[in-house]
Amino acid sequence: MIKCVYCSEELEFGRSVSRNDICPYCSRDIHCCLQCKYYDQRSYNECREVLAERVVNKEKNNLCEYFILKGAKDEEQGRQARAKQALEDLFKKK
């Protein structure tokens, strides 16, 4: 469960967030910088992901490849586990 940064309603996503997803309560964009775990006003370009391209409007949907929904720990851990497994499979001795 995550909370919408605009209306504070709890949202549940059983899949990854698409660019066009909106909050069912306030109709604001979900795939935007303000909803991302890397968003940080004190960081350069307001993003802790150093490889991400600059996004000017933090409230609108965008095409950022590094977007991870705030509070979406299961998805991130799953992605990390899949990446680690892919590397292990790649370098596994036969």
C-alpha atoms as a PDB file:
ATOM      1  CA  MET A   1       0.000   0.000   0.000  1.00  0.00           C
ATOM      2  CA  ILE A   2       1.193   3.466  -0.858  1.00  0.00           C
ATOM      3  CA  LYS A   3      -0.316   6.884  -0.251  1.00  0.00           C
ATOM      4  CA  CYS A   4      -1.022   9.423  -2.943  1.00  0.00           C
ATOM      5  CA  VAL A   5       1.127  12.507  -2.246  1.00  0.00           C
ATOM      6  CA  TYR A   6      -1.719  14.774  -3.320  1.00  0.00           C
ATOM      7  CA  CYS A   7      -4.780  13.432  -1.483  1.00  0.00           C
ATOM      8  CA  SER A   8      -3.145  10.978   1.009  1.00  0.00           C
ATOM      9  CA  GLU A   9      -5.542   8.187   0.028  1.00  0.00           C
ATOM     10  CA  GLU A  10      -4.099   4.681   0.099  1.00  0.00           C
ATOM     11  CA  LEU A  11      -3.515   3.109  -3.295  1.00  0.00           C
ATOM     12  CA  GLU A  12      -2.775  -0.484  -4.161  1.00  0.00           C
ATOM     13  CA  PHE A  13      -0.960  -1.542  -7.306  1.00  0.00           C
ATOM     14  CA  GLY A  14      -0.555  -5.230  -8.102  1.00  0.00           C
ATOM     15  CA  ARG A  15       1.560  -4.324 -11.131  1.00  0.00           C
ATOM     16  CA  SER A  16       3.998  -1.656 -12.180  1.00  0.00           C
ATOM     17  CA  VAL A  17       2.685   1.853 -12.653  1.00  0.00           C
ATOM     18  CA  SER A  18       2.180   2.959 -16.252  1.00  0.00           C
ATOM     19  CA  ARG A  19       2.783   6.484 -17.481  1.00  0.00           C
ATOM     20  CA  ASN A  20      -0.948   7.194 -17.809  1.00  0.00           C
ATOM     21  CA  ASP A  21      -2.122   5.901 -14.409  1.00  0.00           C
ATOM     22  CA  ILE A  22      -4.011   8.396 -12.278  1.00  0.00           C
ATOM     23  CA  CYS A  23      -5.184   8.367  -8.671  1.00  0.00           C
ATOM     24  CA  PRO A  24      -8.793   7.145  -8.553  1.00  0.00           C
ATOM     25  CA  TYR A  25      -9.550   9.637  -5.755  1.00  0.00           C
ATOM     26  CA  CYS A  26      -8.025  12.935  -6.923  1.00  0.00           C
ATOM     27  CA  SER A  27      -7.307  12.189 -10.620  1.00  0.00           C
ATOM     28  CA  ARG A  28      -3.674  13.328 -10.369  1.00  0.00           C
ATOM     29  CA  ASP A  29      -0.802  11.595 -12.153  1.00  0.00           C
ATOM     30  CA  ILE A  30       0.797   8.638 -10.370  1.00  0.00           C
ATOM     31  CA  HIS A  31       3.872   8.294 -12.620  1.00  0.00           C
ATOM     32  CA  CYS A  32       5.384  11.670 -11.680  1.00  0.00           C
ATOM     33  CA  CYS A  33       8.420  12.819  -9.741  1.00  0.00           C
ATOM     34  CA  LEU A  34       6.460  13.716  -6.598  1.00  0.00           C
ATOM     35  CA  GLN A  35       5.265  10.083  -6.338  1.00  0.00           C
ATOM     36  CA  CYS A  36       8.750   8.604  -6.944  1.00  0.00           C
ATOM     37  CA  LYS A  37      11.002   7.192  -4.241  1.00  0.00           C
ATOM     38  CA  TYR A  38      13.984   9.080  -5.723  1.00  0.00           C
ATOM     39  CA  TYR A  39      12.343  12.516  -5.470  1.00  0.00           C
ATOM     40  CA  ASP A  40      14.246  14.748  -3.056  1.00  0.00           C
ATOM     41  CA  GLN A  41      14.026  18.542  -3.071  1.00  0.00           C
ATOM     42  CA  ARG A  42      17.563  18.837  -1.660  1.00  0.00           C
ATOM     43  CA  SER A  43      19.185  16.764  -4.425  1.00  0.00           C
ATOM     44  CA  TYR A  44      20.521  17.956  -7.765  1.00  0.00           C
ATOM     45  CA  ASN A  45      17.549  18.247 -10.155  1.00  0.00           C
ATOM     46  CA  GLU A  46      15.449  17.182  -7.129  1.00  0.00           C
ATOM     47  CA  CYS A  47      16.280  13.531  -7.820  1.00  0.00           C
ATOM     48  CA  ARG A  48      18.542  11.095  -5.947  1.00  0.00           C
ATOM     49  CA  GLU A  49      18.994   8.942  -9.079  1.00  0.00           C
ATOM     50  CA  VAL A  50      22.084  10.518 -10.634  1.00  0.00           C
ATOM     51  CA  LEU A  51      21.540   8.995 -14.084  1.00  0.00           C
ATOM     52  CA  ALA A  52      17.968  10.243 -14.471  1.00  0.00           C
ATOM     53  CA  GLU A  53      17.300  12.993 -16.972  1.00  0.00           C
ATOM     54  CA  ARG A  54      16.023  16.300 -15.633  1.00  0.00           C
ATOM     55  CA  VAL A  55      12.246  16.629 -15.430  1.00  0.00           C
ATOM     56  CA  VAL A  56      11.008  20.207 -15.172  1.00  0.00           C
ATOM     57  CA  ASN A  57       7.397  19.654 -14.118  1.00  0.00           C
ATOM     58  CA  LYS A  58       7.518  17.307 -11.126  1.00  0.00           C
ATOM     59  CA  GLU A  59       3.707  17.023 -10.916  1.00  0.00           C
ATOM     60  CA  LYS A  60       3.018  15.704 -14.432  1.00  0.00           C
ATOM     61  CA  ASN A  61       3.535  12.213 -15.819  1.00  0.00           C
ATOM     62  CA  ASN A  62       6.886  11.587 -17.494  1.00  0.00           C
ATOM     63  CA  LEU A  63       8.981   8.946 -19.239  1.00  0.00           C
ATOM     64  CA  CYS A  64      11.629   8.493 -16.540  1.00  0.00           C
ATOM     65  CA  GLU A  65      13.055   4.966 -16.642  1.00  0.00           C
ATOM     66  CA  TYR A  66      14.092   5.104 -12.988  1.00  0.00           C
ATOM     67  CA  PHE A  67      10.618   5.745 -11.567  1.00  0.00           C
ATOM     68  CA  ILE A  68       9.789   3.608  -8.546  1.00  0.00           C
ATOM     69  CA  LEU A  69       6.589   4.342  -6.682  1.00  0.00           C
ATOM     70  CA  LYS A  70       7.208   5.523  -3.117  1.00  0.00           C
ATOM     71  CA  GLY A  71       6.529   2.643  -0.759  1.00  0.00           C
ATOM     72  CA  ALA A  72       6.654  -0.004  -3.501  1.00  0.00           C
ATOM     73  CA  LYS A  73       9.292  -2.083  -1.738  1.00  0.00           C
ATOM     74  CA  ASP A  74       8.112  -5.474  -2.961  1.00  0.00           C
ATOM     75  CA  GLU A  75       8.430  -4.472  -6.604  1.00  0.00           C
ATOM     76  CA  GLU A  76      11.906  -2.997  -6.130  1.00  0.00           C
ATOM     77  CA  GLN A  77      13.164  -6.001  -4.182  1.00  0.00           C
ATOM     78  CA  GLY A  78      11.740  -8.303  -6.849  1.00  0.00           C
ATOM     79  CA  ARG A  79      13.475  -6.354  -9.593  1.00  0.00           C
ATOM     80  CA  GLN A  80      16.774  -6.490  -7.690  1.00  0.00           C
ATOM     81  CA  ALA A  81      16.406 -10.232  -7.136  1.00  0.00           C
ATOM     82  CA  ARG A  82      15.691 -10.823 -10.842  1.00  0.00           C
ATOM     83  CA  ALA A  83      18.706  -8.721 -11.856  1.00  0.00           C
ATOM     84  CA  LYS A  84      20.962 -10.584  -9.442  1.00  0.00           C
ATOM     85  CA  GLN A  85      19.687 -13.945 -10.703  1.00  0.00           C
ATOM     86  CA  ALA A  86      20.242 -12.881 -14.324  1.00  0.00           C
ATOM     87  CA  LEU A  87      23.857 -11.965 -13.517  1.00  0.00           C
ATOM     88  CA  GLU A  88      24.415 -15.251 -11.700  1.00  0.00           C
ATOM     89  CA  ASP A  89      22.955 -17.185 -14.643  1.00  0.00           C
ATOM     90  CA  LEU A  90      25.114 -15.233 -17.062  1.00  0.00           C
ATOM     91  CA  PHE A  91      28.367 -15.997 -15.250  1.00  0.00           C
ATOM     92  CA  LYS A  92      27.475 -19.496 -14.005  1.00  0.00           C
ATOM     93  CA  LYS A  93      30.104 -22.104 -14.730  1.00  0.00           C
ATOM     94  CA  LYS A  94      28.837 -24.918 -16.895  1.00  0.00           C
END
